Amino acid sequence: MMRLLIVLMLSLLATAAGAAEQPLINVPLGDAPSRGPTDAAVTMIEFIDFNDLIVR
Protein backbone atom coordinates (compact mmCIF):
# COMPACT_ATOMS: atom_id res chain seq x y z
CA MET A 1 0.00 0.00 0.00
CA MET A 2 2.79 2.40 0.89
CA ARG A 3 4.54 1.64 -2.39
CA LEU A 4 1.37 2.50 -4.32
CA LEU A 5 1.08 5.84 -2.51
CA ILE A 6 4.71 6.66 -3.28
CA VAL A 7 4.22 5.81 -6.96
CA LEU A 8 1.09 7.97 -7.10
CA MET A 9 2.84 10.89 -5.42
CA LEU A 10 5.81 10.66 -7.78
CA SER A 11 3.55 10.51 -10.82
CA LEU A 12 1.63 13.57 -9.62
CA LEU A 13 4.87 15.47 -9.13
CA ALA A 14 6.09 14.47 -12.58
CA THR A 15 2.79 15.55 -14.12
CA ALA A 16 2.89 18.89 -12.32
CA ALA A 17 6.46 19.50 -13.47
CA GLY A 18 5.53 18.69 -17.07
CA ALA A 19 2.48 20.92 -16.94
CA ALA A 20 4.58 23.88 -15.82
CA GLU A 21 6.57 23.69 -19.05
CA GLN A 22 3.48 24.02 -21.26
CA PRO A 23 2.84 27.50 -22.69
CA LEU A 24 -0.32 29.33 -21.73
CA ILE A 25 -2.80 29.78 -24.54
CA ASN A 26 -5.36 32.56 -24.52
CA VAL A 27 -8.61 31.40 -26.11
CA PRO A 28 -11.14 34.12 -26.87
CA LEU A 29 -14.51 32.96 -25.52
CA GLY A 30 -16.61 35.72 -27.03
CA ASP A 31 -20.29 35.06 -26.30
CA ALA A 32 -19.82 31.29 -25.78
CA PRO A 33 -21.96 29.76 -23.02
CA SER A 34 -20.07 29.52 -19.73
CA ARG A 35 -20.42 28.95 -16.00
CA GLY A 36 -18.68 30.62 -13.10
CA PRO A 37 -16.89 33.91 -12.70
CA THR A 38 -15.35 35.55 -15.75
CA ASP A 39 -12.09 36.19 -13.88
CA ALA A 40 -11.52 32.56 -12.80
CA ALA A 41 -7.91 31.37 -12.56
CA VAL A 42 -8.59 28.36 -14.79
CA THR A 43 -10.79 28.00 -17.88
CA MET A 44 -11.74 24.51 -19.02
CA ILE A 45 -12.74 24.13 -22.66
CA GLU A 46 -14.41 20.96 -23.93
CA PHE A 47 -14.03 19.99 -27.56
CA ILE A 48 -16.51 17.48 -28.99
CA ASP A 49 -16.22 15.89 -32.40
CA PHE A 50 -19.71 14.71 -33.31
CA ASN A 51 -18.31 12.88 -36.32
CA ASP A 52 -16.23 10.63 -34.05
CA LEU A 53 -17.42 7.02 -34.13
CA ILE A 54 -17.14 6.65 -30.35
CA VAL A 55 -19.54 9.57 -29.74
CA ARG A 56 -22.27 8.08 -31.88
C-alpha atoms as a PDB file:
ATOM      1  CA  MET A   1       0.000   0.000   0.000  1.00  0.00           C
ATOM      2  CA  MET A   2       2.787   2.399   0.893  1.00  0.00           C
ATOM      3  CA  ARG A   3       4.541   1.644  -2.388  1.00  0.00           C
ATOM      4  CA  LEU A   4       1.366   2.505  -4.317  1.00  0.00           C
ATOM      5  CA  LEU A   5       1.084   5.839  -2.513  1.00  0.00           C
ATOM      6  CA  ILE A   6       4.710   6.657  -3.283  1.00  0.00           C
ATOM      7  CA  VAL A   7       4.217   5.812  -6.957  1.00  0.00           C
ATOM      8  CA  LEU A   8       1.087   7.973  -7.096  1.00  0.00           C
ATOM      9  CA  MET A   9       2.840  10.890  -5.420  1.00  0.00           C
ATOM     10  CA  LEU A  10       5.810  10.664  -7.778  1.00  0.00           C
ATOM     11  CA  SER A  11       3.549  10.506 -10.824  1.00  0.00           C
ATOM     12  CA  LEU A  12       1.629  13.572  -9.621  1.00  0.00           C
ATOM     13  CA  LEU A  13       4.872  15.472  -9.127  1.00  0.00           C
ATOM     14  CA  ALA A  14       6.091  14.471 -12.584  1.00  0.00           C
ATOM     15  CA  THR A  15       2.790  15.546 -14.123  1.00  0.00           C
ATOM     16  CA  ALA A  16       2.890  18.887 -12.322  1.00  0.00           C
ATOM     17  CA  ALA A  17       6.461  19.496 -13.466  1.00  0.00           C
ATOM     18  CA  GLY A  18       5.532  18.694 -17.072  1.00  0.00           C
ATOM     19  CA  ALA A  19       2.476  20.922 -16.942  1.00  0.00           C
ATOM     20  CA  ALA A  20       4.579  23.878 -15.819  1.00  0.00           C
ATOM     21  CA  GLU A  21       6.569  23.691 -19.050  1.00  0.00           C
ATOM     22  CA  GLN A  22       3.477  24.017 -21.257  1.00  0.00           C
ATOM     23  CA  PRO A  23       2.842  27.502 -22.689  1.00  0.00           C
ATOM     24  CA  LEU A  24      -0.322  29.333 -21.729  1.00  0.00           C
ATOM     25  CA  ILE A  25      -2.798  29.784 -24.543  1.00  0.00           C
ATOM     26  CA  ASN A  26      -5.361  32.562 -24.516  1.00  0.00           C
ATOM     27  CA  VAL A  27      -8.607  31.399 -26.113  1.00  0.00           C
ATOM     28  CA  PRO A  28     -11.140  34.122 -26.874  1.00  0.00           C
ATOM     29  CA  LEU A  29     -14.506  32.959 -25.524  1.00  0.00           C
ATOM     30  CA  GLY A  30     -16.607  35.717 -27.028  1.00  0.00           C
ATOM     31  CA  ASP A  31     -20.289  35.057 -26.300  1.00  0.00           C
ATOM     32  CA  ALA A  32     -19.823  31.291 -25.776  1.00  0.00           C
ATOM     33  CA  PRO A  33     -21.956  29.759 -23.024  1.00  0.00           C
ATOM     34  CA  SER A  34     -20.066  29.521 -19.734  1.00  0.00           C
ATOM     35  CA  ARG A  35     -20.416  28.949 -15.999  1.00  0.00           C
ATOM     36  CA  GLY A  36     -18.681  30.622 -13.101  1.00  0.00           C
ATOM     37  CA  PRO A  37     -16.886  33.914 -12.703  1.00  0.00           C
ATOM     38  CA  THR A  38     -15.353  35.550 -15.748  1.00  0.00           C
ATOM     39  CA  ASP A  39     -12.087  36.189 -13.879  1.00  0.00           C
ATOM     40  CA  ALA A  40     -11.523  32.561 -12.804  1.00  0.00           C
ATOM     41  CA  ALA A  41      -7.914  31.373 -12.558  1.00  0.00           C
ATOM     42  CA  VAL A  42      -8.592  28.356 -14.794  1.00  0.00           C
ATOM     43  CA  THR A  43     -10.790  27.999 -17.876  1.00  0.00           C
ATOM     44  CA  MET A  44     -11.743  24.514 -19.020  1.00  0.00           C
ATOM     45  CA  ILE A  45     -12.738  24.130 -22.661  1.00  0.00           C
ATOM     46  CA  GLU A  46     -14.411  20.965 -23.930  1.00  0.00           C
ATOM     47  CA  PHE A  47     -14.028  19.989 -27.562  1.00  0.00           C
ATOM     48  CA  ILE A  48     -16.508  17.482 -28.988  1.00  0.00           C
ATOM     49  CA  ASP A  49     -16.216  15.889 -32.397  1.00  0.00           C
ATOM     50  CA  PHE A  50     -19.707  14.713 -33.308  1.00  0.00           C
ATOM     51  CA  ASN A  51     -18.306  12.878 -36.323  1.00  0.00           C
ATOM     52  CA  ASP A  52     -16.229  10.626 -34.045  1.00  0.00           C
ATOM     53  CA  LEU A  53     -17.424   7.025 -34.125  1.00  0.00           C
ATOM     54  CA  ILE A  54     -17.139   6.653 -30.345  1.00  0.00           C
ATOM     55  CA  VAL A  55     -19.538   9.566 -29.736  1.00  0.00           C
ATOM     56  CA  ARG A  56     -22.270   8.082 -31.880  1.00  0.00           C
END
